[in-house]
Amino acid sequence: MRRVTRRGVLKMGATAAAGLAIGQSSLPALAQSQRLSVLSPQRPDPIPPGVSNFAVDLLTTWQTDHDTGVDYTTQPFFEMAQATSDAVASGGYVHDIFYNWATIPENAGSLVELGSRLPNELTADLAPSQAASVSWQGKQYGVVPTLSLLLLFFNRDILASAGIGQPPATWDELKATAAAFATESPNGLLLPYGAPAGIGGVASIWMAFLQQAGGAMYNDDGKPVFDDAPGVDALQFMIDLLPITTSDSLRLAGYGDAAYRMMAGSAAMTFSFPAFWTAMNGGAAPGEGRIAPAVMPKGPDTNATINGVDAWTIATASPNQELAEELIAFYLSPDVQKRQAIDTGWLPARLSVLGDAEVQSANPVAAVLLEQATSPFDSFITPNYLAITDAIGREIQQALRGEQTASQALTTAKSAIQPLISW
């Protein structure tokens, strides 16, 4: 799985981490009679308590209360899919808990179904769509610890210079706002269309527009239906926006580069993920940055978006499944989620914590994310996800270059992914 993943285009300083060896860590032994093994990412990606000295005090208390030690194996994020696959392929017990990105469909047979086992108070405090991209064939195998939704970001000063007081709330307003800068520098809209595949690539940006148009990737039988009217309308909207989008958007693949461009004032608006808010503002204090977040513009049907599908999962080979469930519930507890937001910058999955005044004060994206989380955000994860999104993304890129129509691109893409569909 890997090459252009969300972290491939979303990485922020992860290049240095790529050279790190696998890390083994555990908290000081407290004579616990049981132990749990957890495969976890390293910074700068979301980390659980006990990794990189984050919330060690909370985890120490949990270990004491549960008479259970927690051992971490840490990997750079973009190595974790392979580590998970290797562990599953071994056929035996390696880890109790895996931090999972987009490999749930491939590994579903080796993962515990979690949806029916989550505490009711936790499920009630999660976004309605949180299960969509951590489920496969009707069963939820993971739970997301952080909400990483694609949002609209805009430069307050640039919009104000054109007499525009509010970010666009609809497709028509997005087009009109971008068009206000069509013949000027800065440009109206900056979008990284250069990467075809993965979450954050051009295919998944189109998936957000697809849902906004009222469409879906697959029908109830799992067959692709994205070449219908909503799919074509979504791609045509992207084509219509292109003349008022920065000229290098088809070459721009990195969200880090896009963040730098926004910080430099190159464009009035972009779509990006919460993790890039700080970079777009050059590290300015909360409330002082020029780049502000907003919910996605509403299309014909909704203001849907996509999400980053990071999830905690439990191996069926684990001899400690109930303890593993309790540890994941601890990771999603309000205290840990609040510390996660304030200490690491990764915003929580729990809606009540997103609404916490201290969390919103520390990160202005939290309030917007809370509003966006009420709308759909399916990333349509399937087996062969990167290959499928790569095939679709390349056809979309051709349409954006004017080499084929929106309808032709999606018809060709649907045909191209047929050999990749095994479900």
Protein backbone atom coordinates (compact mmCIF):
# COMPACT_ATOMS: atom_id res chain seq x y z
CA MET A 1 0.00 0.00 0.00
CA ARG A 2 2.07 3.23 0.25
CA ARG A 3 3.63 5.51 -2.13
CA VAL A 4 1.36 8.54 -2.37
CA THR A 5 -0.65 8.29 0.82
CA ARG A 6 -2.16 11.07 2.85
CA ARG A 7 1.07 11.14 4.81
CA GLY A 8 2.99 11.12 1.53
CA VAL A 9 1.36 14.41 0.64
CA LEU A 10 0.58 15.47 4.18
CA LYS A 11 3.96 14.86 5.77
CA MET A 12 5.29 17.70 7.87
CA GLY A 13 8.88 17.04 8.70
CA ALA A 14 8.36 13.30 8.48
CA THR A 15 11.27 12.91 6.09
CA ALA A 16 13.68 12.93 8.99
CA ALA A 17 11.59 10.37 10.85
CA ALA A 18 11.72 8.04 7.86
CA GLY A 19 15.27 7.12 8.70
CA LEU A 20 14.49 6.07 12.26
CA ALA A 21 14.67 2.43 13.20
CA ILE A 22 11.71 0.65 14.71
CA GLY A 23 11.27 1.91 18.27
CA GLN A 24 10.49 -0.29 21.23
CA SER A 25 9.27 1.41 24.36
CA SER A 26 7.37 0.76 27.53
CA LEU A 27 6.72 2.66 30.71
CA PRO A 28 8.65 1.72 33.83
CA ALA A 29 7.62 -1.71 34.98
CA LEU A 30 5.12 -1.63 37.84
CA ALA A 31 4.95 -5.39 38.36
CA GLN A 32 1.89 -5.67 36.14
CA SER A 33 0.66 -9.21 35.65
CA GLN A 34 -0.49 -8.57 32.04
CA ARG A 35 0.94 -6.73 29.03
CA LEU A 36 -0.42 -5.26 25.82
CA SER A 37 1.59 -4.70 22.66
CA VAL A 38 0.71 -1.67 20.51
CA LEU A 39 1.97 -0.75 17.03
CA SER A 40 2.00 3.05 17.02
CA PRO A 41 3.14 5.88 14.76
CA GLN A 42 5.89 8.27 15.72
CA ARG A 43 5.72 12.03 15.78
CA PRO A 44 4.77 14.14 13.87
CA ASP A 45 1.75 11.86 13.39
CA PRO A 46 -0.87 11.22 16.08
CA ILE A 47 0.59 9.34 19.02
CA PRO A 48 -1.03 7.61 22.01
CA PRO A 49 -0.21 8.31 25.67
CA GLY A 50 3.22 7.02 26.56
CA VAL A 51 4.88 7.72 23.21
CA SER A 52 7.29 10.69 23.04
CA ASN A 53 6.46 11.50 26.67
CA PHE A 54 2.86 12.37 25.81
CA ALA A 55 0.40 11.98 28.72
CA VAL A 56 2.64 9.48 30.48
CA ASP A 57 0.98 10.27 33.81
CA LEU A 58 -2.45 9.31 32.49
CA LEU A 59 -1.17 6.05 31.04
CA THR A 60 0.70 5.18 34.24
CA THR A 61 -2.55 5.51 36.16
CA TRP A 62 -4.39 3.36 33.61
CA GLN A 63 -1.70 0.66 33.82
CA THR A 64 -1.90 0.60 37.60
CA ASP A 65 -5.69 0.48 37.64
CA HIS A 66 -5.75 -2.36 35.09
CA ASP A 67 -2.67 -4.23 36.36
CA THR A 68 -1.47 -4.11 32.76
CA GLY A 69 1.72 -2.89 31.14
CA VAL A 70 1.73 -1.30 27.68
CA ASP A 71 4.62 -1.87 25.27
CA TYR A 72 4.93 0.22 22.10
CA THR A 73 6.54 -0.59 18.80
CA THR A 74 6.75 2.70 16.89
CA GLN A 75 7.25 3.22 13.19
CA PRO A 76 7.28 6.18 10.81
CA PHE A 77 3.68 6.39 9.64
CA PHE A 78 4.32 5.43 6.05
CA GLU A 79 6.02 2.18 7.16
CA MET A 80 3.12 1.06 9.33
CA ALA A 81 0.94 -0.43 6.61
CA GLN A 82 3.73 -2.84 5.73
CA ALA A 83 4.39 -3.60 9.41
CA THR A 84 0.71 -4.39 9.88
CA SER A 85 0.62 -6.60 6.79
CA ASP A 86 3.74 -8.46 7.92
CA ALA A 87 2.24 -9.08 11.35
CA VAL A 88 -1.03 -10.34 9.86
CA ALA A 89 0.82 -12.53 7.36
CA SER A 90 2.74 -14.20 10.19
CA GLY A 91 -0.50 -15.93 11.16
CA GLY A 92 0.24 -15.52 14.86
CA TYR A 93 0.16 -13.03 17.69
CA VAL A 94 2.43 -10.02 17.20
CA HIS A 95 0.52 -7.00 18.53
CA ASP A 96 -2.77 -6.58 20.32
CA ILE A 97 -3.50 -3.15 18.81
CA PHE A 98 -2.53 -1.70 15.44
CA TYR A 99 -2.72 1.94 14.37
CA ASN A 100 -4.25 1.49 10.97
CA TRP A 101 -4.39 3.59 7.82
CA ALA A 102 -6.56 2.40 4.91
CA THR A 103 -5.69 -1.30 5.31
CA ILE A 104 -8.83 -2.36 7.17
CA PRO A 105 -10.47 -3.94 4.08
CA GLU A 106 -7.40 -6.06 3.29
CA ASN A 107 -6.96 -7.15 6.90
CA ALA A 108 -10.59 -7.36 8.03
CA GLY A 109 -10.38 -11.12 8.50
CA SER A 110 -7.63 -10.60 11.08
CA LEU A 111 -9.27 -7.70 12.94
CA VAL A 112 -11.85 -7.65 15.71
CA GLU A 113 -15.24 -6.13 14.85
CA LEU A 114 -15.37 -3.07 17.11
CA GLY A 115 -18.53 -1.18 16.19
CA SER A 116 -20.84 -3.22 18.40
CA ARG A 117 -18.33 -3.29 21.24
CA LEU A 118 -17.64 0.43 21.68
CA PRO A 119 -19.11 2.02 24.82
CA ASN A 120 -22.41 3.77 24.10
CA GLU A 121 -21.22 7.01 25.65
CA LEU A 122 -18.26 7.04 23.27
CA THR A 123 -20.28 6.22 20.16
CA ALA A 124 -22.76 8.99 21.00
CA ASP A 125 -19.88 11.48 21.18
CA LEU A 126 -18.41 10.66 17.75
CA ALA A 127 -19.32 12.18 14.39
CA PRO A 128 -22.07 10.40 12.43
CA SER A 129 -19.67 9.55 9.58
CA GLN A 130 -16.72 8.41 11.72
CA ALA A 131 -17.39 4.73 11.04
CA ALA A 132 -17.73 5.03 7.25
CA SER A 133 -14.07 4.70 6.33
CA VAL A 134 -13.09 2.30 9.12
CA SER A 135 -15.70 -0.28 8.14
CA TRP A 136 -15.82 -2.99 5.53
CA GLN A 137 -18.86 -4.87 4.23
CA GLY A 138 -21.10 -3.56 6.97
CA LYS A 139 -18.78 -4.11 9.94
CA GLN A 140 -16.77 -1.47 11.79
CA TYR A 141 -13.26 -2.66 12.57
CA GLY A 142 -11.64 0.55 13.81
CA VAL A 143 -12.25 3.77 15.70
CA VAL A 144 -10.69 7.10 14.74
CA PRO A 145 -8.79 8.95 17.50
CA THR A 146 -8.44 12.22 15.57
CA LEU A 147 -10.64 14.06 13.09
CA SER A 148 -8.61 15.05 10.06
CA LEU A 149 -11.18 16.45 7.64
CA LEU A 150 -10.47 18.38 4.46
CA LEU A 151 -11.55 21.98 5.09
CA LEU A 152 -11.60 25.30 3.26
CA PHE A 153 -8.87 27.72 4.37
CA PHE A 154 -8.87 31.36 3.33
CA ASN A 155 -6.66 34.43 3.66
CA ARG A 156 -8.63 37.08 5.54
CA ASP A 157 -6.55 39.96 4.19
CA ILE A 158 -6.75 38.88 0.54
CA LEU A 159 -10.51 38.41 0.64
CA ALA A 160 -10.91 41.76 2.40
CA SER A 161 -8.82 43.47 -0.28
CA ALA A 162 -11.50 42.47 -2.81
CA GLY A 163 -14.33 43.59 -0.53
CA ILE A 164 -15.26 40.01 0.37
CA GLY A 165 -16.14 39.68 4.03
CA GLN A 166 -16.97 35.98 4.31
CA PRO A 167 -15.57 32.75 2.86
CA PRO A 168 -17.72 31.09 0.17
CA ALA A 169 -20.51 28.86 1.45
CA THR A 170 -21.67 27.31 -1.85
CA TRP A 171 -20.21 26.12 -5.14
CA ASP A 172 -21.44 29.26 -6.87
CA GLU A 173 -19.86 31.45 -4.21
CA LEU A 174 -16.59 29.51 -4.41
CA LYS A 175 -16.46 30.06 -8.15
CA ALA A 176 -17.35 33.75 -7.81
CA THR A 177 -14.83 34.34 -5.03
CA ALA A 178 -12.02 32.63 -6.95
CA ALA A 179 -13.00 34.54 -10.10
CA ALA A 180 -12.52 37.84 -8.26
CA PHE A 181 -8.78 37.15 -8.48
CA ALA A 182 -8.72 35.53 -11.93
CA THR A 183 -6.45 38.12 -13.56
CA GLU A 184 -4.45 39.11 -10.53
CA SER A 185 -1.72 37.89 -8.24
CA PRO A 186 -2.51 36.41 -5.75
CA ASN A 187 -4.73 33.85 -7.39
CA GLY A 188 -8.14 32.97 -6.05
CA LEU A 189 -7.73 29.24 -5.46
CA LEU A 190 -4.79 26.90 -4.85
CA LEU A 191 -5.33 23.13 -5.03
CA PRO A 192 -2.71 20.36 -5.04
CA TYR A 193 -3.82 18.27 -8.00
CA GLY A 194 -0.38 16.82 -8.80
CA ALA A 195 -0.76 13.57 -6.82
CA PRO A 196 -3.34 11.25 -8.41
CA ALA A 197 -3.78 8.76 -5.56
CA GLY A 198 -4.30 8.50 -1.84
CA ILE A 199 -6.19 10.64 0.63
CA GLY A 200 -5.45 14.22 -0.29
CA GLY A 201 -4.66 13.36 -3.92
CA VAL A 202 -6.75 14.65 -6.81
CA ALA A 203 -9.00 11.57 -6.74
CA SER A 204 -10.02 12.16 -3.14
CA ILE A 205 -10.58 15.89 -3.67
CA TRP A 206 -12.99 14.84 -6.40
CA MET A 207 -14.59 12.40 -3.91
CA ALA A 208 -15.45 15.38 -1.68
CA PHE A 209 -17.10 17.17 -4.62
CA LEU A 210 -18.82 13.89 -5.58
CA GLN A 211 -20.50 13.67 -2.18
CA GLN A 212 -21.34 17.37 -2.27
CA ALA A 213 -23.16 16.66 -5.55
CA GLY A 214 -25.13 13.84 -3.89
CA GLY A 215 -23.15 10.97 -5.37
CA ALA A 216 -21.27 7.94 -4.09
CA MET A 217 -18.40 5.80 -5.31
CA TYR A 218 -20.14 2.43 -4.96
CA ASN A 219 -23.69 1.09 -4.70
CA ASP A 220 -24.98 -1.21 -1.96
CA ASP A 221 -23.50 -4.22 -3.76
CA GLY A 222 -20.05 -2.62 -3.84
CA LYS A 223 -20.10 -1.92 -7.57
CA PRO A 224 -18.71 1.39 -8.87
CA VAL A 225 -21.35 3.95 -9.82
CA PHE A 226 -19.28 7.11 -9.78
CA ASP A 227 -19.63 7.75 -13.51
CA ASP A 228 -23.24 8.86 -13.03
CA ALA A 229 -24.57 12.44 -13.10
CA PRO A 230 -23.24 13.52 -9.65
CA GLY A 231 -19.77 12.18 -10.50
CA VAL A 232 -19.69 13.98 -13.83
CA ASP A 233 -21.04 17.18 -12.24
CA ALA A 234 -18.33 17.04 -9.57
CA LEU A 235 -15.54 16.64 -12.10
CA GLN A 236 -17.03 19.29 -14.38
CA PHE A 237 -17.04 21.69 -11.43
CA MET A 238 -13.31 21.04 -10.95
CA ILE A 239 -12.76 21.66 -14.67
CA ASP A 240 -14.77 24.89 -14.47
CA LEU A 241 -12.69 26.05 -11.50
CA LEU A 242 -9.36 25.35 -13.18
CA PRO A 243 -9.05 28.67 -15.09
CA ILE A 244 -9.37 30.51 -11.77
CA THR A 245 -7.05 28.12 -9.91
CA THR A 246 -3.31 28.67 -9.63
CA SER A 247 -1.58 27.69 -12.85
CA ASP A 248 0.71 25.15 -11.21
CA SER A 249 -2.04 23.24 -9.39
CA LEU A 250 -1.71 20.24 -11.72
CA ARG A 251 1.96 19.98 -10.74
CA LEU A 252 1.58 20.69 -7.03
CA ALA A 253 1.46 17.41 -5.09
CA GLY A 254 2.37 18.38 -1.53
CA TYR A 255 0.16 19.91 1.13
CA GLY A 256 3.29 21.17 2.83
CA ASP A 257 4.17 23.14 -0.32
CA ALA A 258 0.60 24.39 -0.54
CA ALA A 259 0.78 25.54 3.09
CA TYR A 260 3.96 27.47 2.36
CA ARG A 261 2.33 29.10 -0.65
CA MET A 262 -0.65 30.14 1.47
CA MET A 263 1.65 31.51 4.15
CA ALA A 264 3.41 33.57 1.46
CA GLY A 265 0.10 35.00 0.27
CA SER A 266 0.08 33.30 -3.15
CA ALA A 267 -3.65 32.52 -3.12
CA ALA A 268 -6.85 33.57 -1.42
CA MET A 269 -8.14 30.06 -0.69
CA THR A 270 -7.19 26.40 -0.56
CA PHE A 271 -8.49 23.06 0.71
CA SER A 272 -6.31 21.45 3.36
CA PHE A 273 -6.29 19.42 6.56
CA PRO A 274 -6.24 20.79 10.15
CA ALA A 275 -2.63 19.68 10.65
CA PHE A 276 -1.51 22.39 8.21
CA TRP A 277 -3.21 25.34 9.87
CA THR A 278 -0.10 26.19 11.92
CA ALA A 279 2.19 25.96 8.90
CA MET A 280 -0.11 28.13 6.79
CA ASN A 281 0.10 30.79 9.49
CA GLY A 282 3.86 30.56 9.92
CA GLY A 283 3.48 29.45 13.52
CA ALA A 284 1.49 32.52 14.57
CA ALA A 285 -0.33 32.36 17.88
CA PRO A 286 -3.97 31.19 17.81
CA GLY A 287 -6.22 33.99 16.63
CA GLU A 288 -3.39 35.99 15.09
CA GLY A 289 -2.90 34.17 11.79
CA ARG A 290 -4.10 35.50 8.45
CA ILE A 291 -5.27 32.07 7.29
CA ALA A 292 -8.60 31.04 8.79
CA PRO A 293 -10.64 27.82 8.46
CA ALA A 294 -14.18 27.39 7.16
CA VAL A 295 -16.46 24.47 6.38
CA MET A 296 -16.47 23.14 2.85
CA PRO A 297 -18.71 24.97 0.34
CA LYS A 298 -22.08 23.30 -0.16
CA GLY A 299 -22.71 21.64 -3.50
CA PRO A 300 -26.09 20.66 -4.94
CA ASP A 301 -26.66 18.24 -2.06
CA THR A 302 -24.39 18.85 0.93
CA ASN A 303 -21.07 20.27 2.13
CA ALA A 304 -19.48 16.84 2.54
CA THR A 305 -15.74 16.29 2.74
CA ILE A 306 -13.20 13.47 3.16
CA ASN A 307 -11.30 12.27 6.19
CA GLY A 308 -7.95 10.80 7.03
CA VAL A 309 -9.17 7.32 8.17
CA ASP A 310 -6.53 6.86 10.88
CA ALA A 311 -7.87 4.22 13.27
CA TRP A 312 -7.09 2.00 16.20
CA THR A 313 -7.79 -1.66 15.47
CA ILE A 314 -7.47 -4.92 17.45
CA ALA A 315 -5.98 -8.15 16.11
CA THR A 316 -8.10 -11.29 16.32
CA ALA A 317 -4.86 -13.06 17.31
CA SER A 318 -4.71 -10.96 20.48
CA PRO A 319 -5.14 -13.04 23.65
CA ASN A 320 -6.16 -9.84 25.44
CA GLN A 321 -9.02 -8.46 23.34
CA GLU A 322 -11.11 -7.10 26.20
CA LEU A 323 -8.10 -5.32 27.71
CA ALA A 324 -7.24 -3.97 24.27
CA GLU A 325 -10.77 -2.57 23.97
CA GLU A 326 -10.35 -0.87 27.33
CA LEU A 327 -7.04 0.65 26.26
CA ILE A 328 -8.60 2.05 23.06
CA ALA A 329 -11.48 3.43 25.14
CA PHE A 330 -8.83 5.10 27.32
CA TYR A 331 -7.18 6.61 24.23
CA LEU A 332 -10.61 8.04 23.32
CA SER A 333 -11.43 9.23 26.85
CA PRO A 334 -12.15 12.97 27.25
CA ASP A 335 -9.03 13.59 29.34
CA VAL A 336 -6.70 11.96 26.82
CA GLN A 337 -8.47 13.54 23.86
CA LYS A 338 -8.10 17.00 25.40
CA ARG A 339 -4.42 16.47 26.14
CA GLN A 340 -3.98 15.16 22.60
CA ALA A 341 -5.44 18.37 21.19
CA ILE A 342 -3.51 20.78 23.40
CA ASP A 343 -0.21 18.92 23.78
CA THR A 344 0.21 17.49 20.26
CA GLY A 345 -2.02 19.65 18.05
CA TRP A 346 -3.97 16.67 16.64
CA LEU A 347 -7.62 17.51 17.08
CA PRO A 348 -9.85 14.97 18.86
CA ALA A 349 -12.50 12.68 17.45
CA ARG A 350 -14.84 13.30 20.39
CA LEU A 351 -17.30 16.07 19.59
CA SER A 352 -17.58 17.18 23.22
CA VAL A 353 -13.82 17.75 23.36
CA LEU A 354 -13.86 19.64 20.06
CA GLY A 355 -16.41 21.92 21.71
CA ASP A 356 -14.26 22.45 24.81
CA ALA A 357 -13.47 26.16 25.27
CA GLU A 358 -9.81 25.51 26.07
CA VAL A 359 -9.36 23.31 23.00
CA GLN A 360 -11.02 25.91 20.77
CA SER A 361 -8.87 28.65 22.24
CA ALA A 362 -5.70 26.66 21.57
CA ASN A 363 -6.71 25.81 18.00
CA PRO A 364 -9.32 27.88 16.11
CA VAL A 365 -9.78 25.00 13.65
CA ALA A 366 -11.59 23.03 16.38
CA ALA A 367 -14.84 25.02 16.19
CA VAL A 368 -14.97 24.75 12.38
CA LEU A 369 -14.13 21.05 12.53
CA LEU A 370 -16.99 20.53 14.98
CA GLU A 371 -19.38 22.11 12.48
CA GLN A 372 -17.95 20.20 9.51
CA ALA A 373 -18.20 16.89 11.38
CA THR A 374 -21.99 16.99 11.18
CA SER A 375 -21.79 16.49 7.38
CA PRO A 376 -20.74 13.26 5.58
CA PHE A 377 -17.03 12.54 5.17
CA ASP A 378 -16.57 9.17 3.51
CA SER A 379 -13.19 8.46 1.89
CA PHE A 380 -14.51 5.22 0.30
CA ILE A 381 -11.74 2.93 1.55
CA THR A 382 -11.56 -0.43 -0.25
CA PRO A 383 -8.97 -3.11 -0.93
CA ASN A 384 -6.37 -1.90 -3.44
CA TYR A 385 -7.18 1.66 -2.39
CA LEU A 386 -4.04 3.32 -3.68
CA ALA A 387 -4.16 1.48 -7.00
CA ILE A 388 -7.84 2.33 -7.44
CA THR A 389 -7.43 6.00 -6.57
CA ASP A 390 -4.32 6.18 -8.76
CA ALA A 391 -6.26 4.87 -11.77
CA ILE A 392 -9.12 7.29 -11.14
CA GLY A 393 -6.83 10.20 -10.35
CA ARG A 394 -4.88 9.87 -13.58
CA GLU A 395 -8.07 10.05 -15.63
CA ILE A 396 -9.21 13.08 -13.63
CA GLN A 397 -5.87 14.76 -14.31
CA GLN A 398 -6.32 14.18 -18.03
CA ALA A 399 -9.76 15.78 -17.88
CA LEU A 400 -8.34 18.76 -16.01
CA ARG A 401 -5.71 19.13 -18.72
CA GLY A 402 -8.48 19.22 -21.33
CA GLU A 403 -7.50 15.88 -22.87
CA GLN A 404 -10.95 14.31 -22.33
CA THR A 405 -14.38 15.31 -21.03
CA ALA A 406 -15.55 14.68 -17.49
CA SER A 407 -17.83 11.90 -18.69
CA GLN A 408 -15.08 10.24 -20.73
CA ALA A 409 -12.66 10.39 -17.80
CA LEU A 410 -15.01 8.67 -15.38
CA THR A 411 -16.14 6.06 -17.90
CA THR A 412 -12.49 5.20 -18.57
CA ALA A 413 -11.68 5.21 -14.85
CA LYS A 414 -14.57 2.84 -14.08
CA SER A 415 -13.28 0.42 -16.71
CA ALA A 416 -9.70 0.75 -15.46
CA ILE A 417 -10.52 -0.23 -11.88
CA GLN A 418 -12.59 -3.31 -12.76
CA PRO A 419 -9.55 -5.65 -12.57
CA LEU A 420 -8.73 -4.20 -9.15
CA ILE A 421 -12.13 -4.93 -7.63
CA SER A 422 -12.14 -8.28 -5.90
CA TRP A 423 -15.05 -7.90 -3.53
